[in-house]
Protein backbone atom coordinates (compact mmCIF):
# COMPACT_ATOMS: atom_id res chain seq x y z
CA MET A 1 -13.68 -56.18 11.98
CA GLN A 2 -13.78 -59.30 14.11
CA THR A 3 -16.10 -61.05 11.62
CA TYR A 4 -13.73 -60.24 8.76
CA SER A 5 -10.77 -61.70 10.64
CA PHE A 6 -12.71 -64.87 11.43
CA LEU A 7 -13.86 -65.32 7.84
CA ARG A 8 -10.35 -64.62 6.57
CA GLU A 9 -8.84 -67.30 8.82
CA LEU A 10 -11.61 -69.73 7.85
CA ALA A 11 -11.00 -69.15 4.15
CA ASP A 12 -7.23 -69.47 4.54
CA SER A 13 -7.42 -72.82 6.29
CA TRP A 14 -10.61 -74.89 6.09
CA ILE A 15 -12.06 -73.61 2.84
CA LEU A 16 -8.69 -74.14 1.16
CA LEU A 17 -8.68 -77.71 2.46
CA VAL A 18 -12.25 -78.31 1.22
CA MET A 19 -11.40 -76.92 -2.23
CA PHE A 20 -8.32 -79.12 -2.46
CA LEU A 21 -10.31 -82.21 -1.45
CA PHE A 22 -12.95 -81.36 -4.06
CA PHE A 23 -10.24 -80.99 -6.71
CA ALA A 24 -8.64 -84.30 -5.72
CA GLY A 25 -12.07 -85.96 -5.80
CA VAL A 26 -12.70 -84.72 -9.34
CA ILE A 27 -9.33 -86.06 -10.47
CA VAL A 28 -9.98 -89.45 -8.86
CA TRP A 29 -13.47 -89.53 -10.43
CA ALA A 30 -12.09 -88.77 -13.90
CA PHE A 31 -9.37 -91.44 -13.72
CA ARG A 32 -11.42 -94.13 -11.97
CA PRO A 33 -11.32 -97.66 -13.39
CA GLY A 34 -13.98 -98.24 -16.02
CA SER A 35 -14.33 -94.63 -17.13
CA GLU A 36 -12.05 -94.90 -20.15
CA GLU A 37 -14.84 -96.17 -22.41
CA ILE A 38 -17.10 -93.26 -21.52
CA TYR A 39 -14.45 -90.63 -22.17
CA THR A 40 -13.36 -92.32 -25.41
CA ASP A 41 -16.93 -92.15 -26.70
CA VAL A 42 -17.27 -88.52 -25.64
CA ALA A 43 -13.96 -87.61 -27.31
CA LYS A 44 -15.23 -88.97 -30.65
CA ILE A 45 -18.40 -86.86 -30.71
CA PRO A 46 -16.99 -84.05 -32.91
CA LEU A 47 -15.73 -86.59 -35.46
CA GLY A 48 -18.80 -88.84 -35.46
CA ASP A 49 -20.99 -86.89 -37.89
CA ASP A 50 -20.54 -88.48 -41.31
CA THR A 51 -23.35 -86.61 -43.04
CA GLN A 52 -22.66 -83.84 -45.50
CA PRO A 53 -24.57 -80.59 -45.64
CA LYS A 54 -27.44 -80.45 -48.12
CA HIS A 55 -25.62 -77.89 -50.26
CA ALA A 56 -22.52 -80.09 -50.59
CA LYS A 57 -21.94 -81.56 -54.03
CA GLN A 58 -22.49 -85.32 -54.18
CA LYS A 59 -20.54 -87.64 -56.49
CA GLY A 60 -22.30 -87.99 -59.81
CA ASP A 61 -24.55 -85.00 -59.09
CA ASP A 62 -24.27 -82.74 -62.15
CA ASN A 63 -27.27 -80.56 -61.32
CA VAL A 64 -25.33 -78.23 -59.01
């Protein structure tokens, strides 16, 4: 039971601190200067495909 108590205290204090620092680091990394261009490009990926499927009817295509 002594091991459980030690691990419980460790998780309640130091591991919580490490997880918070990791979270804060991720937030700082995401909002760092110069990253706006990268995230803008990534945000446009779903809208960037201008091609139509092969089965889509083209203008002036009367064979369909």
